[in-house]
Amino acid sequence: MTKDYRPNAGIMLINADGRVFMAQRSDNRDPAWQMPQGGIDENEDPLTAAKRELFEETNVSSVKLIAESTHWYTYDFPSDVSFFSKKKKKYKGQRQKWFLFLFTGDESEIDLQAHDKEFSDWTWMEAQSVPEHIVSFKRGVYDAVVSEFMPFIEAVAAQKAG
């Protein structure tokens, strides 16, 4: 049986300065920063899944959609990473549709302990530095997503500066 990619929604959340929300995974002792992401349920559209996952992982709902990736990005699960064991049995990796949201709320809305507790810490990062903080098997996707969304991120930052 050939394994397929798990449908997944990725979320790049930026603030008014154009900095990207990154969170430290709570299931990894080593630095493992990432943007929020999660599975798309059966009969759920990707945008709905992205908003749901963002809320479940960060408690954030105050957002404005800026852009959607032009295509789906994929990555394979590495054979030596154990925290994917259940997913690796069914899927060979993830197929992600990415969304760029502007955070419109107050930072007090961010609460990593409110729901899933997937993350233990968070920060805002410069978009260009995001891929260097991600685990290696996701780096290609992060490079591509940052590149695709960079014109929108620069426009948001320029609007605040202007």
C-alpha atoms as a PDB file:
ATOM      1  CA  MET A   1       0.000   0.000   0.000  1.00  0.00           C
ATOM      2  CA  THR A   2       1.321   3.415  -0.962  1.00  0.00           C
ATOM      3  CA  LYS A   3       1.128   6.021   1.764  1.00  0.00           C
ATOM      4  CA  ASP A   4      -0.185   9.468   0.906  1.00  0.00           C
ATOM      5  CA  TYR A   5       0.454  12.899   2.390  1.00  0.00           C
ATOM      6  CA  ARG A   6      -1.706  14.067   5.299  1.00  0.00           C
ATOM      7  CA  PRO A   7      -3.708  17.221   4.417  1.00  0.00           C
ATOM      8  CA  ASN A   8      -2.524  20.030   6.659  1.00  0.00           C
ATOM      9  CA  ALA A   9      -2.985  23.781   7.083  1.00  0.00           C
ATOM     10  CA  GLY A  10       0.007  25.971   7.922  1.00  0.00           C
ATOM     11  CA  ILE A  11      -0.332  29.397   9.483  1.00  0.00           C
ATOM     12  CA  MET A  12       2.113  32.285   9.196  1.00  0.00           C
ATOM     13  CA  LEU A  13       0.904  34.855  11.706  1.00  0.00           C
ATOM     14  CA  ILE A  14       2.547  38.269  11.547  1.00  0.00           C
ATOM     15  CA  ASN A  15       2.242  41.351  13.695  1.00  0.00           C
ATOM     16  CA  ALA A  16       1.952  44.940  12.424  1.00  0.00           C
ATOM     17  CA  ASP A  17       5.767  45.172  12.280  1.00  0.00           C
ATOM     18  CA  GLY A  18       5.890  42.203   9.886  1.00  0.00           C
ATOM     19  CA  ARG A  19       7.472  39.891  12.455  1.00  0.00           C
ATOM     20  CA  VAL A  20       6.427  36.228  12.382  1.00  0.00           C
ATOM     21  CA  PHE A  21       4.945  34.285  15.298  1.00  0.00           C
ATOM     22  CA  MET A  22       7.103  31.246  16.125  1.00  0.00           C
ATOM     23  CA  ALA A  23       6.504  28.750  18.914  1.00  0.00           C
ATOM     24  CA  GLN A  24       8.686  26.170  20.642  1.00  0.00           C
ATOM     25  CA  ARG A  25       7.248  22.647  20.508  1.00  0.00           C
ATOM     26  CA  SER A  26       6.577  21.309  23.997  1.00  0.00           C
ATOM     27  CA  ASP A  27       7.281  17.690  22.953  1.00  0.00           C
ATOM     28  CA  ASN A  28      10.894  18.346  21.996  1.00  0.00           C
ATOM     29  CA  ARG A  29      13.743  19.069  24.423  1.00  0.00           C
ATOM     30  CA  ASP A  30      15.923  20.538  21.686  1.00  0.00           C
ATOM     31  CA  PRO A  31      15.042  23.898  20.192  1.00  0.00           C
ATOM     32  CA  ALA A  32      12.227  23.062  17.763  1.00  0.00           C
ATOM     33  CA  TRP A  33      10.532  26.271  16.714  1.00  0.00           C
ATOM     34  CA  GLN A  34       7.739  26.276  14.173  1.00  0.00           C
ATOM     35  CA  MET A  35       4.703  28.166  12.962  1.00  0.00           C
ATOM     36  CA  PRO A  36       1.271  26.815  13.922  1.00  0.00           C
ATOM     37  CA  GLN A  37      -0.030  24.031  11.692  1.00  0.00           C
ATOM     38  CA  GLY A  38      -2.391  21.111  11.887  1.00  0.00           C
ATOM     39  CA  GLY A  39      -4.463  18.514  10.120  1.00  0.00           C
ATOM     40  CA  ILE A  40      -7.423  19.310   7.935  1.00  0.00           C
ATOM     41  CA  ASP A  41     -10.440  17.281   9.050  1.00  0.00           C
ATOM     42  CA  GLU A  42     -12.538  15.353   6.544  1.00  0.00           C
ATOM     43  CA  ASN A  43     -14.925  17.729   4.703  1.00  0.00           C
ATOM     44  CA  GLU A  44     -13.184  20.773   6.238  1.00  0.00           C
ATOM     45  CA  ASP A  45     -11.865  23.477   3.951  1.00  0.00           C
ATOM     46  CA  PRO A  46      -8.219  24.538   4.460  1.00  0.00           C
ATOM     47  CA  LEU A  47      -8.991  28.104   5.607  1.00  0.00           C
ATOM     48  CA  THR A  48     -11.408  26.883   8.269  1.00  0.00           C
ATOM     49  CA  ALA A  49      -8.808  24.350   9.399  1.00  0.00           C
ATOM     50  CA  ALA A  50      -6.130  27.060   9.580  1.00  0.00           C
ATOM     51  CA  LYS A  51      -8.274  29.293  11.793  1.00  0.00           C
ATOM     52  CA  ARG A  52      -9.254  26.326  13.997  1.00  0.00           C
ATOM     53  CA  GLU A  53      -5.669  25.131  14.388  1.00  0.00           C
ATOM     54  CA  LEU A  54      -4.421  28.642  15.146  1.00  0.00           C
ATOM     55  CA  PHE A  55      -7.025  28.988  17.886  1.00  0.00           C
ATOM     56  CA  GLU A  56      -6.428  25.498  19.318  1.00  0.00           C
ATOM     57  CA  GLU A  57      -2.650  25.963  19.456  1.00  0.00           C
ATOM     58  CA  THR A  58      -2.371  29.648  20.454  1.00  0.00           C
ATOM     59  CA  ASN A  59      -5.830  30.852  21.555  1.00  0.00           C
ATOM     60  CA  VAL A  60      -5.591  33.513  18.815  1.00  0.00           C
ATOM     61  CA  SER A  61      -8.729  34.412  16.882  1.00  0.00           C
ATOM     62  CA  SER A  62      -8.122  38.119  16.198  1.00  0.00           C
ATOM     63  CA  VAL A  63      -6.718  37.844  12.677  1.00  0.00           C
ATOM     64  CA  LYS A  64      -7.135  39.242   9.190  1.00  0.00           C
ATOM     65  CA  LEU A  65      -6.403  37.003   6.197  1.00  0.00           C
ATOM     66  CA  ILE A  66      -3.730  38.550   3.977  1.00  0.00           C
ATOM     67  CA  ALA A  67      -2.786  35.752   1.577  1.00  0.00           C
ATOM     68  CA  GLU A  68      -3.084  32.054   0.753  1.00  0.00           C
ATOM     69  CA  SER A  69      -0.257  30.036  -0.770  1.00  0.00           C
ATOM     70  CA  THR A  70      -0.605  29.532  -4.497  1.00  0.00           C
ATOM     71  CA  HIS A  71      -0.074  25.784  -4.180  1.00  0.00           C
ATOM     72  CA  TRP A  72       0.345  22.964  -1.657  1.00  0.00           C
ATOM     73  CA  TYR A  73       3.772  22.271  -0.138  1.00  0.00           C
ATOM     74  CA  THR A  74       4.885  18.811   0.970  1.00  0.00           C
ATOM     75  CA  TYR A  75       7.477  17.316   3.265  1.00  0.00           C
ATOM     76  CA  ASP A  76       8.222  13.737   4.276  1.00  0.00           C
ATOM     77  CA  PHE A  77       8.310  12.537   7.858  1.00  0.00           C
ATOM     78  CA  PRO A  78      11.879  11.587   8.795  1.00  0.00           C
ATOM     79  CA  SER A  79      12.389   7.946   9.674  1.00  0.00           C
ATOM     80  CA  ASP A  80      14.391   8.773  12.811  1.00  0.00           C
ATOM     81  CA  VAL A  81      11.906  11.134  14.518  1.00  0.00           C
ATOM     82  CA  SER A  82       9.712   9.260  16.997  1.00  0.00           C
ATOM     83  CA  PHE A  83       7.045  11.895  17.713  1.00  0.00           C
ATOM     84  CA  PHE A  84       5.537  11.195  14.276  1.00  0.00           C
ATOM     85  CA  SER A  85       5.135   7.453  14.946  1.00  0.00           C
ATOM     86  CA  LYS A  86       1.305   7.349  14.702  1.00  0.00           C
ATOM     87  CA  LYS A  87       1.198   9.602  11.648  1.00  0.00           C
ATOM     88  CA  LYS A  88       4.101   7.763   9.960  1.00  0.00           C
ATOM     89  CA  LYS A  89       2.116   4.512  10.029  1.00  0.00           C
ATOM     90  CA  LYS A  90      -0.623   6.066   7.900  1.00  0.00           C
ATOM     91  CA  TYR A  91       1.108   8.897   5.981  1.00  0.00           C
ATOM     92  CA  LYS A  92       4.491   9.453   4.366  1.00  0.00           C
ATOM     93  CA  GLY A  93       4.430  13.164   5.211  1.00  0.00           C
ATOM     94  CA  GLN A  94       2.302  16.275   5.124  1.00  0.00           C
ATOM     95  CA  ARG A  95       0.757  18.251   2.266  1.00  0.00           C
ATOM     96  CA  GLN A  96       0.225  21.818   3.433  1.00  0.00           C
ATOM     97  CA  LYS A  97      -1.795  24.801   2.302  1.00  0.00           C
ATOM     98  CA  TRP A  98      -0.362  27.922   3.939  1.00  0.00           C
ATOM     99  CA  PHE A  99      -2.176  31.066   5.044  1.00  0.00           C
ATOM    100  CA  LEU A 100      -0.737  34.447   6.002  1.00  0.00           C
ATOM    101  CA  PHE A 101      -2.689  36.227   8.733  1.00  0.00           C
ATOM    102  CA  LEU A 102      -2.179  39.620  10.347  1.00  0.00           C
ATOM    103  CA  PHE A 103      -2.604  39.481  14.127  1.00  0.00           C
ATOM    104  CA  THR A 104      -5.102  42.210  15.028  1.00  0.00           C
ATOM    105  CA  GLY A 105      -5.504  41.516  18.734  1.00  0.00           C
ATOM    106  CA  ASP A 106      -3.553  42.269  21.885  1.00  0.00           C
ATOM    107  CA  GLU A 107      -0.688  39.943  22.828  1.00  0.00           C
ATOM    108  CA  SER A 108      -2.563  39.012  26.017  1.00  0.00           C
ATOM    109  CA  GLU A 109      -4.817  36.935  23.719  1.00  0.00           C
ATOM    110  CA  ILE A 110      -1.911  34.542  23.053  1.00  0.00           C
ATOM    111  CA  ASP A 111      -2.229  31.672  25.520  1.00  0.00           C
ATOM    112  CA  LEU A 112      -0.320  28.498  24.698  1.00  0.00           C
ATOM    113  CA  GLN A 113      -1.826  26.642  27.658  1.00  0.00           C
ATOM    114  CA  ALA A 114      -5.498  27.333  26.853  1.00  0.00           C
ATOM    115  CA  HIS A 115      -6.144  24.303  24.637  1.00  0.00           C
ATOM    116  CA  ASP A 116      -3.734  21.788  23.045  1.00  0.00           C
ATOM    117  CA  LYS A 117      -0.547  22.709  24.951  1.00  0.00           C
ATOM    118  CA  GLU A 118       1.481  21.885  21.844  1.00  0.00           C
ATOM    119  CA  PHE A 119       3.887  24.757  22.494  1.00  0.00           C
ATOM    120  CA  SER A 120       5.853  25.826  25.554  1.00  0.00           C
ATOM    121  CA  ASP A 121       7.103  29.273  24.462  1.00  0.00           C
ATOM    122  CA  TRP A 122       6.655  31.797  21.667  1.00  0.00           C
ATOM    123  CA  THR A 123       8.317  34.835  20.116  1.00  0.00           C
ATOM    124  CA  TRP A 124       8.110  37.207  17.151  1.00  0.00           C
ATOM    125  CA  MET A 125      10.923  36.692  14.592  1.00  0.00           C
ATOM    126  CA  GLU A 126      12.109  38.483  11.496  1.00  0.00           C
ATOM    127  CA  ALA A 127      10.658  36.591   8.523  1.00  0.00           C
ATOM    128  CA  GLN A 128      14.064  36.054   6.895  1.00  0.00           C
ATOM    129  CA  SER A 129      15.358  34.222   9.977  1.00  0.00           C
ATOM    130  CA  VAL A 130      12.374  31.863  10.377  1.00  0.00           C
ATOM    131  CA  PRO A 131      13.738  28.971   8.238  1.00  0.00           C
ATOM    132  CA  GLU A 132      17.001  28.767  10.195  1.00  0.00           C
ATOM    133  CA  HIS A 133      15.056  28.018  13.398  1.00  0.00           C
ATOM    134  CA  ILE A 134      12.974  25.161  12.000  1.00  0.00           C
ATOM    135  CA  VAL A 135      13.835  21.455  12.074  1.00  0.00           C
ATOM    136  CA  SER A 136      15.764  20.441   8.979  1.00  0.00           C
ATOM    137  CA  PHE A 137      13.080  18.267   7.349  1.00  0.00           C
ATOM    138  CA  LYS A 138      10.673  21.247   7.187  1.00  0.00           C
ATOM    139  CA  ARG A 139      13.246  23.850   6.117  1.00  0.00           C
ATOM    140  CA  GLY A 140      12.521  23.633   2.373  1.00  0.00           C
ATOM    141  CA  VAL A 141       8.828  24.304   2.941  1.00  0.00           C
ATOM    142  CA  TYR A 142       9.590  27.201   5.275  1.00  0.00           C
ATOM    143  CA  ASP A 143      12.026  28.732   2.773  1.00  0.00           C
ATOM    144  CA  ALA A 144       9.362  28.566   0.066  1.00  0.00           C
ATOM    145  CA  VAL A 145       6.555  29.918   2.271  1.00  0.00           C
ATOM    146  CA  VAL A 146       8.667  32.846   3.500  1.00  0.00           C
ATOM    147  CA  SER A 147       9.665  33.618  -0.085  1.00  0.00           C
ATOM    148  CA  GLU A 148       6.070  33.470  -1.340  1.00  0.00           C
ATOM    149  CA  PHE A 149       4.685  35.633   1.473  1.00  0.00           C
ATOM    150  CA  MET A 150       7.595  38.123   1.734  1.00  0.00           C
ATOM    151  CA  PRO A 151       6.041  40.788  -0.543  1.00  0.00           C
ATOM    152  CA  PHE A 152       2.927  40.819   1.661  1.00  0.00           C
ATOM    153  CA  ILE A 153       5.003  40.915   4.863  1.00  0.00           C
ATOM    154  CA  GLU A 154       7.069  43.833   3.519  1.00  0.00           C
ATOM    155  CA  ALA A 155       3.875  45.676   2.577  1.00  0.00           C
ATOM    156  CA  VAL A 156       2.457  45.293   6.101  1.00  0.00           C
ATOM    157  CA  ALA A 157       5.720  46.487   7.684  1.00  0.00           C
ATOM    158  CA  ALA A 158       5.958  49.435   5.253  1.00  0.00           C
ATOM    159  CA  GLN A 159       2.381  50.452   6.031  1.00  0.00           C
ATOM    160  CA  LYS A 160       3.180  50.639   9.749  1.00  0.00           C
ATOM    161  CA  ALA A 161       6.462  52.487   9.121  1.00  0.00           C
ATOM    162  CA  GLY A 162       4.834  54.894   6.656  1.00  0.00           C
END
